[in-house]
Amino acid sequence: MTPEFTIIGVTRLDDHVLLGDAGLAMAMVSVGAERLFDLRGETKPPGLPIPIEHFPLIDLEPDQDELILAAAQRLAGLVADGVSVGVYCQAGVSRTSTVAIAYLMVRGMPLAEANQLVRTARPQAMPALELWRSLERLAPSLAG
């Protein structure tokens, strides 16, 4: 069994989801991530010795609902299979929190509650306005 430890900048959202920025990708692996989600639309994922799935989101672009939903559904599916996933974008603030909120919504949590949970776990979490609008549009279809 691996001892539990904390790395500053890496946030544990739940037992299987870690949140951080691009510079902490391997740190997330060191605390248990078995797969990474790279959410950066401005670059390709690095060549790391771990599977990386790429969901290229852009902070200020409108209408990314489908990509956000695809990332959240994939994340929920991996978690359901017991896989630990590290989710990151460049700064770990906007795109990372957007996908984390959408993941919680896919699992049945209302938008406001999901946002509050992510903000409590990661106080700097703040989806950019266009990404927030995508979450608002997704909310009715994901509501129980």
Protein backbone atom coordinates (compact mmCIF):
# COMPACT_ATOMS: atom_id res chain seq x y z
CA MET A 1 0.00 0.00 0.00
CA THR A 2 1.28 3.46 -0.92
CA PRO A 3 1.42 5.98 1.92
CA GLU A 4 -1.01 8.89 1.58
CA PHE A 5 0.67 12.25 1.08
CA THR A 6 -0.19 15.66 -0.30
CA ILE A 7 1.43 17.63 -3.08
CA ILE A 8 0.73 21.34 -2.99
CA GLY A 9 -1.32 22.32 -6.03
CA VAL A 10 -2.93 18.91 -6.53
CA THR A 11 -6.53 18.69 -5.36
CA ARG A 12 -8.34 15.44 -4.63
CA LEU A 13 -11.97 15.89 -5.72
CA ASP A 14 -12.97 12.36 -4.72
CA ASP A 15 -11.36 8.93 -4.36
CA HIS A 16 -10.57 8.74 -8.08
CA VAL A 17 -10.30 12.30 -9.42
CA LEU A 18 -7.31 14.60 -8.99
CA LEU A 19 -7.21 18.18 -10.25
CA GLY A 20 -4.16 20.29 -11.04
CA ASP A 21 -2.25 22.28 -13.60
CA ALA A 22 -0.08 21.05 -16.46
CA GLY A 23 3.12 21.34 -14.44
CA LEU A 24 1.72 18.90 -11.88
CA ALA A 25 0.76 16.10 -14.29
CA MET A 26 3.43 13.69 -13.04
CA ALA A 27 2.79 14.76 -9.45
CA MET A 28 -0.79 13.55 -9.90
CA VAL A 29 0.62 10.23 -11.07
CA SER A 30 2.79 10.04 -7.96
CA VAL A 31 -0.31 10.36 -5.76
CA GLY A 32 -2.30 7.74 -7.63
CA ALA A 33 -3.49 8.89 -11.07
CA GLU A 34 -3.45 5.97 -13.51
CA ARG A 35 -4.49 8.11 -16.47
CA LEU A 36 -4.39 11.81 -17.28
CA PHE A 37 -6.82 14.14 -19.03
CA ASP A 38 -5.11 17.05 -20.80
CA LEU A 39 -7.67 19.78 -21.44
CA ARG A 40 -5.36 22.24 -23.18
CA GLY A 41 -6.50 23.24 -26.66
CA GLU A 42 -3.39 25.28 -27.31
CA THR A 43 -0.95 22.38 -27.23
CA LYS A 44 -0.69 18.63 -27.60
CA PRO A 45 -0.27 16.40 -24.54
CA PRO A 46 3.31 15.69 -23.48
CA GLY A 47 4.90 12.31 -24.02
CA LEU A 48 4.64 10.89 -20.53
CA PRO A 49 4.84 7.24 -19.47
CA ILE A 50 1.12 7.11 -18.69
CA PRO A 51 -2.01 7.13 -20.88
CA ILE A 52 -3.17 10.69 -21.61
CA GLU A 53 -6.54 11.51 -23.12
CA HIS A 54 -6.80 14.88 -24.86
CA PHE A 55 -9.93 17.03 -24.73
CA PRO A 56 -8.79 20.30 -26.35
CA LEU A 57 -10.81 23.03 -24.67
CA ILE A 58 -10.20 26.76 -25.11
CA ASP A 59 -11.08 29.13 -22.24
CA LEU A 60 -12.72 31.95 -24.17
CA GLU A 61 -14.41 29.99 -26.95
CA PRO A 62 -18.20 29.60 -26.96
CA ASP A 63 -20.18 26.44 -27.64
CA GLN A 64 -17.89 23.71 -26.33
CA ASP A 65 -20.78 21.86 -24.70
CA GLU A 66 -20.22 18.59 -26.58
CA LEU A 67 -16.51 18.41 -25.77
CA ILE A 68 -17.08 19.25 -22.10
CA LEU A 69 -19.80 16.60 -21.89
CA ALA A 70 -17.61 14.03 -23.66
CA ALA A 71 -14.75 14.64 -21.20
CA ALA A 72 -17.11 14.47 -18.21
CA GLN A 73 -18.79 11.28 -19.40
CA ARG A 74 -15.44 9.62 -20.12
CA LEU A 75 -14.17 10.65 -16.69
CA ALA A 76 -17.31 9.28 -15.03
CA GLY A 77 -16.93 6.01 -16.95
CA LEU A 78 -13.30 5.57 -15.92
CA VAL A 79 -14.13 6.36 -12.30
CA ALA A 80 -16.98 3.82 -12.40
CA ASP A 81 -14.38 1.28 -13.49
CA GLY A 82 -12.19 2.22 -10.51
CA VAL A 83 -9.56 4.13 -12.51
CA SER A 84 -7.94 7.16 -10.86
CA VAL A 85 -7.61 10.12 -13.22
CA GLY A 86 -5.62 13.34 -13.03
CA VAL A 87 -7.34 16.22 -14.82
CA TYR A 88 -5.40 19.32 -15.82
CA CYS A 89 -5.25 22.35 -18.06
CA GLN A 90 -2.55 25.00 -18.22
CA ALA A 91 -3.27 26.73 -14.90
CA GLY A 92 -5.68 24.22 -13.34
CA VAL A 93 -8.33 26.89 -12.83
CA SER A 94 -10.91 27.25 -15.61
CA ARG A 95 -11.01 24.23 -17.91
CA THR A 96 -10.08 21.83 -15.11
CA SER A 97 -12.88 23.11 -12.90
CA THR A 98 -15.35 23.07 -15.82
CA VAL A 99 -14.76 19.37 -16.50
CA ALA A 100 -14.80 18.59 -12.76
CA ILE A 101 -18.17 20.32 -12.38
CA ALA A 102 -19.54 18.58 -15.49
CA TYR A 103 -18.29 15.22 -14.14
CA LEU A 104 -20.24 15.76 -10.93
CA MET A 105 -23.29 16.78 -12.98
CA VAL A 106 -23.02 13.61 -15.09
CA ARG A 107 -23.12 11.72 -11.81
CA GLY A 108 -26.40 13.43 -10.89
CA MET A 109 -25.36 16.51 -8.94
CA PRO A 110 -27.09 19.84 -9.71
CA LEU A 111 -24.92 22.58 -11.22
CA ALA A 112 -24.89 24.86 -8.18
CA GLU A 113 -23.99 22.02 -5.82
CA ALA A 114 -21.29 20.69 -8.17
CA ASN A 115 -19.80 24.17 -8.51
CA GLN A 116 -19.76 24.60 -4.73
CA LEU A 117 -18.13 21.21 -4.17
CA VAL A 118 -15.39 21.93 -6.70
CA ARG A 119 -14.83 25.44 -5.29
CA THR A 120 -14.64 24.04 -1.75
CA ALA A 121 -12.07 21.43 -2.80
CA ARG A 122 -10.14 23.83 -5.06
CA PRO A 123 -10.82 27.47 -4.06
CA GLN A 124 -9.14 28.88 -7.18
CA ALA A 125 -11.56 26.93 -9.43
CA MET A 126 -13.45 29.31 -11.69
CA PRO A 127 -14.73 28.38 -15.13
CA ALA A 128 -14.29 31.11 -17.74
CA LEU A 129 -17.58 32.75 -18.71
CA GLU A 130 -18.06 30.86 -21.99
CA LEU A 131 -17.32 27.53 -20.25
CA TRP A 132 -19.77 28.41 -17.47
CA ARG A 133 -22.41 29.10 -20.11
CA SER A 134 -21.77 25.63 -21.54
CA LEU A 135 -22.33 24.15 -18.06
CA GLU A 136 -25.58 26.10 -17.76
CA ARG A 137 -26.77 24.75 -21.11
CA LEU A 138 -25.81 21.18 -20.13
CA ALA A 139 -27.49 21.35 -16.72
CA PRO A 140 -31.11 20.73 -17.79
CA SER A 141 -30.24 17.59 -19.76
CA LEU A 142 -28.17 16.21 -16.88
CA ALA A 143 -30.71 16.96 -14.15
CA GLY A 144 -32.12 13.78 -12.66
